[in-house]
């Protein structure tokens, strides 16, 4: 796990072995930490372009995006920001049914 503050260290510890860190999560984490979308874009782009498992190097991802990859296309980057924010905000705010809110 990278150094620095974590949004939920217990969740980080439980999912790290199973799920790779995604560019979208890197974006959300940096945006929460700094509140700066371009800085969050840089963090996400580093994760996306990582040769150690970044989504940008994945042939299936490239096929699905049909050339509209974030960090190279402005419209795709704006859509990426919106999805990263919405999906991970919903997950971070989720509660187990029947638990205290």
N, C-alpha and C. Protein backbone atom coordinates (compact mmCIF):
# COMPACT_ATOMS: atom_id res chain seq x y z
N UNK A 1 0.84 -1.17 0.00
CA UNK A 1 0.00 0.00 0.00
C UNK A 1 0.89 1.24 0.00
N UNK A 2 0.54 2.28 -0.76
CA UNK A 2 1.38 3.47 -0.81
C UNK A 2 1.34 4.23 0.50
N UNK A 3 2.42 4.97 0.79
CA UNK A 3 2.44 5.76 2.02
C UNK A 3 1.46 6.91 1.93
N UNK A 4 1.11 7.46 3.07
CA UNK A 4 0.22 8.62 3.09
C UNK A 4 -1.11 8.26 3.71
N UNK A 5 -1.97 9.27 3.80
CA UNK A 5 -3.26 9.05 4.45
C UNK A 5 -4.13 8.11 3.63
N UNK A 6 -4.95 7.38 4.33
CA UNK A 6 -5.88 6.46 3.69
C UNK A 6 -7.29 6.87 4.06
N UNK A 7 -8.20 6.66 3.16
CA UNK A 7 -9.61 6.95 3.44
C UNK A 7 -10.15 5.88 4.39
N UNK A 8 -9.78 4.65 4.17
CA UNK A 8 -10.26 3.55 5.01
C UNK A 8 -9.17 2.48 5.04
N UNK A 9 -8.30 2.55 6.03
CA UNK A 9 -7.15 1.65 6.08
C UNK A 9 -7.57 0.20 6.27
N UNK A 10 -8.66 -0.06 6.98
CA UNK A 10 -9.13 -1.43 7.15
C UNK A 10 -9.57 -2.01 5.81
N UNK A 11 -10.30 -1.22 5.02
CA UNK A 11 -10.71 -1.68 3.69
C UNK A 11 -9.50 -1.86 2.79
N UNK A 12 -8.55 -0.92 2.86
CA UNK A 12 -7.35 -1.05 2.04
C UNK A 12 -6.64 -2.37 2.32
N UNK A 13 -6.51 -2.71 3.60
CA UNK A 13 -5.81 -3.93 3.99
C UNK A 13 -6.57 -5.17 3.52
N UNK A 14 -7.90 -5.10 3.50
CA UNK A 14 -8.67 -6.28 3.14
C UNK A 14 -8.75 -6.51 1.64
N UNK A 15 -8.66 -5.46 0.82
CA UNK A 15 -8.81 -5.66 -0.62
C UNK A 15 -7.50 -5.66 -1.39
N UNK A 16 -6.45 -5.17 -0.81
CA UNK A 16 -5.19 -5.06 -1.54
C UNK A 16 -4.76 -6.38 -2.18
N UNK A 17 -4.84 -7.51 -1.49
CA UNK A 17 -4.39 -8.75 -2.13
C UNK A 17 -5.29 -9.22 -3.27
N UNK A 18 -6.54 -8.77 -3.30
CA UNK A 18 -7.49 -9.28 -4.26
C UNK A 18 -7.67 -8.36 -5.47
N UNK A 19 -7.69 -7.07 -5.26
CA UNK A 19 -8.03 -6.12 -6.31
C UNK A 19 -6.87 -5.15 -6.52
N UNK A 20 -6.49 -4.96 -7.78
CA UNK A 20 -5.44 -3.98 -8.06
C UNK A 20 -5.99 -2.57 -7.85
N UNK A 21 -5.10 -1.67 -7.52
CA UNK A 21 -5.52 -0.27 -7.37
C UNK A 21 -5.81 0.27 -8.77
N UNK A 22 -6.98 0.82 -8.94
CA UNK A 22 -7.36 1.32 -10.25
C UNK A 22 -7.03 2.79 -10.40
N UNK A 23 -6.99 3.23 -11.63
CA UNK A 23 -6.76 4.65 -11.91
C UNK A 23 -7.89 5.48 -11.33
N UNK A 24 -9.11 4.96 -11.38
CA UNK A 24 -10.25 5.70 -10.83
C UNK A 24 -10.11 5.88 -9.32
N UNK A 25 -9.66 4.85 -8.62
CA UNK A 25 -9.45 4.99 -7.18
C UNK A 25 -8.31 5.96 -6.90
N UNK A 26 -7.25 5.90 -7.68
CA UNK A 26 -6.13 6.84 -7.51
C UNK A 26 -6.63 8.28 -7.69
N UNK A 27 -7.52 8.49 -8.67
CA UNK A 27 -8.08 9.82 -8.90
C UNK A 27 -8.89 10.28 -7.69
N UNK A 28 -9.79 9.43 -7.23
CA UNK A 28 -10.67 9.77 -6.10
C UNK A 28 -9.85 10.05 -4.83
N UNK A 29 -8.88 9.21 -4.57
CA UNK A 29 -8.04 9.36 -3.38
C UNK A 29 -7.29 10.70 -3.40
N UNK A 30 -6.69 11.03 -4.54
CA UNK A 30 -5.94 12.29 -4.66
C UNK A 30 -6.88 13.49 -4.61
N UNK A 31 -8.05 13.37 -5.21
CA UNK A 31 -9.00 14.48 -5.20
C UNK A 31 -9.49 14.75 -3.77
N UNK A 32 -9.76 13.72 -3.01
CA UNK A 32 -10.18 13.89 -1.61
C UNK A 32 -9.04 14.54 -0.81
N UNK A 33 -7.83 14.07 -1.06
CA UNK A 33 -6.67 14.57 -0.32
C UNK A 33 -6.37 16.02 -0.62
N UNK A 34 -6.44 16.42 -1.90
CA UNK A 34 -5.99 17.76 -2.30
C UNK A 34 -7.08 18.66 -2.87
N UNK A 35 -8.21 18.10 -3.34
CA UNK A 35 -9.27 18.90 -3.91
C UNK A 35 -8.92 19.56 -5.23
N UNK A 36 -8.01 18.98 -5.96
CA UNK A 36 -7.50 19.56 -7.20
C UNK A 36 -7.64 18.54 -8.33
N UNK A 37 -8.60 18.77 -9.24
CA UNK A 37 -8.86 17.80 -10.31
C UNK A 37 -7.66 17.56 -11.21
N UNK A 38 -6.92 18.60 -11.67
CA UNK A 38 -5.76 18.32 -12.51
C UNK A 38 -4.68 17.50 -11.79
N UNK A 39 -4.48 17.73 -10.51
CA UNK A 39 -3.52 16.94 -9.74
C UNK A 39 -4.02 15.50 -9.62
N UNK A 40 -5.32 15.34 -9.41
CA UNK A 40 -5.91 13.99 -9.36
C UNK A 40 -5.78 13.30 -10.71
N UNK A 41 -5.93 14.09 -11.80
CA UNK A 41 -5.74 13.52 -13.15
C UNK A 41 -4.33 12.96 -13.30
N UNK A 42 -3.33 13.70 -12.80
CA UNK A 42 -1.94 13.24 -12.90
C UNK A 42 -1.75 11.92 -12.15
N UNK A 43 -2.31 11.82 -10.95
CA UNK A 43 -2.19 10.58 -10.16
C UNK A 43 -2.87 9.42 -10.88
N UNK A 44 -4.05 9.68 -11.44
CA UNK A 44 -4.76 8.63 -12.15
C UNK A 44 -4.03 8.22 -13.42
N UNK A 45 -3.48 9.20 -14.13
CA UNK A 45 -2.74 8.89 -15.36
C UNK A 45 -1.52 8.03 -15.07
N UNK A 46 -0.84 8.30 -13.97
CA UNK A 46 0.31 7.46 -13.60
C UNK A 46 -0.14 6.03 -13.36
N UNK A 47 -1.26 5.86 -12.65
CA UNK A 47 -1.78 4.51 -12.42
C UNK A 47 -2.24 3.86 -13.73
N UNK A 48 -2.95 4.63 -14.55
CA UNK A 48 -3.46 4.14 -15.83
C UNK A 48 -2.34 3.65 -16.73
N UNK A 49 -1.25 4.40 -16.78
CA UNK A 49 -0.15 4.10 -17.69
C UNK A 49 0.92 3.21 -17.09
N UNK A 50 0.73 2.77 -15.85
CA UNK A 50 1.72 1.93 -15.18
C UNK A 50 1.92 0.62 -15.93
N UNK A 51 3.18 0.26 -16.10
CA UNK A 51 3.49 -1.03 -16.72
C UNK A 51 3.29 -2.19 -15.74
N UNK A 52 3.00 -1.85 -14.49
CA UNK A 52 2.78 -2.87 -13.46
C UNK A 52 1.29 -3.13 -13.28
N UNK A 53 0.55 -3.19 -14.37
CA UNK A 53 -0.87 -3.55 -14.28
C UNK A 53 -1.85 -2.42 -14.47
N UNK A 54 -1.43 -1.29 -15.01
CA UNK A 54 -2.36 -0.19 -15.26
C UNK A 54 -3.38 -0.55 -16.33
N UNK A 55 -4.57 0.01 -16.18
CA UNK A 55 -5.64 -0.31 -17.13
C UNK A 55 -5.31 0.12 -18.55
N UNK A 56 -4.51 1.16 -18.71
CA UNK A 56 -4.15 1.64 -20.03
C UNK A 56 -3.34 0.65 -20.85
N UNK A 57 -2.69 -0.29 -20.18
CA UNK A 57 -1.89 -1.31 -20.87
C UNK A 57 -2.69 -2.57 -21.17
N UNK A 58 -3.97 -2.57 -20.78
CA UNK A 58 -4.81 -3.75 -20.93
C UNK A 58 -5.51 -3.73 -22.29
N UNK A 59 -5.31 -4.77 -23.08
CA UNK A 59 -5.89 -4.83 -24.42
C UNK A 59 -7.41 -4.80 -24.40
N UNK A 60 -8.03 -5.44 -23.41
CA UNK A 60 -9.49 -5.46 -23.33
C UNK A 60 -10.05 -4.08 -23.01
N UNK A 61 -9.34 -3.34 -22.17
CA UNK A 61 -9.77 -1.97 -21.86
C UNK A 61 -9.67 -1.10 -23.11
N UNK A 62 -8.57 -1.22 -23.83
CA UNK A 62 -8.39 -0.44 -25.06
C UNK A 62 -9.49 -0.75 -26.07
N UNK A 63 -9.84 -2.01 -26.19
CA UNK A 63 -10.91 -2.41 -27.11
C UNK A 63 -12.25 -1.81 -26.67
N UNK A 64 -12.54 -1.89 -25.39
CA UNK A 64 -13.81 -1.37 -24.89
C UNK A 64 -13.93 0.14 -25.07
N UNK A 65 -12.83 0.85 -24.90
CA UNK A 65 -12.87 2.31 -25.00
C UNK A 65 -12.83 2.82 -26.44
N UNK A 66 -12.43 1.97 -27.37
CA UNK A 66 -12.40 2.32 -28.79
C UNK A 66 -11.71 3.66 -29.05
N UNK A 67 -10.56 3.87 -28.40
CA UNK A 67 -9.76 5.06 -28.64
C UNK A 67 -10.12 6.26 -27.78
N UNK A 68 -11.18 6.18 -27.00
CA UNK A 68 -11.58 7.30 -26.14
C UNK A 68 -11.01 7.13 -24.74
N UNK A 69 -9.71 6.94 -24.66
CA UNK A 69 -9.06 6.71 -23.37
C UNK A 69 -8.86 8.02 -22.62
N UNK A 70 -9.08 7.99 -21.31
CA UNK A 70 -8.82 9.20 -20.53
C UNK A 70 -7.35 9.59 -20.59
N UNK A 71 -7.09 10.84 -20.34
CA UNK A 71 -5.75 11.43 -20.29
C UNK A 71 -5.15 11.62 -21.67
N UNK A 72 -5.92 11.35 -22.71
CA UNK A 72 -5.49 11.63 -24.06
C UNK A 72 -6.60 12.32 -24.83
N UNK A 73 -7.80 12.24 -24.31
CA UNK A 73 -8.99 12.81 -24.93
C UNK A 73 -9.73 13.60 -23.85
N UNK A 74 -9.94 14.90 -24.09
CA UNK A 74 -10.55 15.76 -23.06
C UNK A 74 -11.94 15.30 -22.63
N UNK A 75 -12.77 14.92 -23.59
CA UNK A 75 -14.13 14.47 -23.25
C UNK A 75 -14.07 13.18 -22.42
N UNK A 76 -13.17 12.28 -22.79
CA UNK A 76 -13.04 11.03 -22.04
C UNK A 76 -12.49 11.29 -20.64
N UNK A 77 -11.61 12.26 -20.50
CA UNK A 77 -11.08 12.60 -19.17
C UNK A 77 -12.17 13.17 -18.29
N UNK A 78 -13.01 14.04 -18.84
CA UNK A 78 -14.13 14.59 -18.06
C UNK A 78 -15.09 13.48 -17.63
N UNK A 79 -15.37 12.55 -18.52
CA UNK A 79 -16.25 11.41 -18.20
C UNK A 79 -15.60 10.53 -17.14
N UNK A 80 -14.30 10.31 -17.27
CA UNK A 80 -13.56 9.52 -16.28
C UNK A 80 -13.68 10.15 -14.90
N UNK A 81 -13.48 11.49 -14.82
CA UNK A 81 -13.59 12.19 -13.53
C UNK A 81 -14.98 11.98 -12.91
N UNK A 82 -16.01 12.15 -13.74
CA UNK A 82 -17.38 12.01 -13.23
C UNK A 82 -17.64 10.60 -12.72
N UNK A 83 -17.23 9.61 -13.49
CA UNK A 83 -17.45 8.22 -13.07
C UNK A 83 -16.64 7.86 -11.83
N UNK A 84 -15.37 8.27 -11.80
CA UNK A 84 -14.53 7.97 -10.63
C UNK A 84 -15.13 8.59 -9.38
N UNK A 85 -15.60 9.80 -9.50
CA UNK A 85 -16.19 10.48 -8.36
C UNK A 85 -17.49 9.81 -7.93
N UNK A 86 -18.38 9.56 -8.87
CA UNK A 86 -19.69 8.99 -8.54
C UNK A 86 -19.60 7.57 -7.98
N UNK A 87 -18.84 6.72 -8.66
CA UNK A 87 -18.75 5.31 -8.24
C UNK A 87 -18.10 5.18 -6.87
N UNK A 88 -16.96 5.83 -6.68
CA UNK A 88 -16.28 5.65 -5.40
C UNK A 88 -16.92 6.44 -4.27
N UNK A 89 -17.62 7.53 -4.57
CA UNK A 89 -18.38 8.22 -3.52
C UNK A 89 -19.49 7.29 -3.03
N UNK A 90 -20.16 6.63 -3.95
CA UNK A 90 -21.22 5.69 -3.57
C UNK A 90 -20.66 4.54 -2.75
N UNK A 91 -19.53 3.99 -3.16
CA UNK A 91 -18.94 2.88 -2.42
C UNK A 91 -18.46 3.30 -1.04
N UNK A 92 -17.85 4.48 -0.96
CA UNK A 92 -17.34 4.95 0.34
C UNK A 92 -18.47 5.29 1.30
N UNK A 93 -19.63 5.67 0.77
CA UNK A 93 -20.77 6.01 1.61
C UNK A 93 -21.67 4.82 1.89
N UNK A 94 -21.38 3.67 1.28
CA UNK A 94 -22.23 2.50 1.44
C UNK A 94 -22.20 1.98 2.87
N UNK A 95 -23.31 1.43 3.27
CA UNK A 95 -23.43 0.81 4.58
C UNK A 95 -23.99 -0.60 4.40
N UNK A 96 -23.64 -1.47 5.31
CA UNK A 96 -24.18 -2.82 5.29
C UNK A 96 -25.66 -2.73 5.69
N UNK A 97 -26.56 -3.38 4.94
CA UNK A 97 -27.97 -3.30 5.30
C UNK A 97 -28.19 -3.72 6.76
N UNK A 98 -28.98 -2.95 7.44
CA UNK A 98 -29.27 -3.24 8.84
C UNK A 98 -28.27 -2.69 9.83
N UNK A 99 -27.19 -2.09 9.35
CA UNK A 99 -26.18 -1.53 10.26
C UNK A 99 -26.55 -0.10 10.61
N UNK A 100 -25.91 0.43 11.62
CA UNK A 100 -26.14 1.82 12.02
C UNK A 100 -25.64 2.74 10.93
N UNK A 101 -26.40 3.74 10.62
CA UNK A 101 -26.00 4.69 9.57
C UNK A 101 -25.05 5.73 10.10
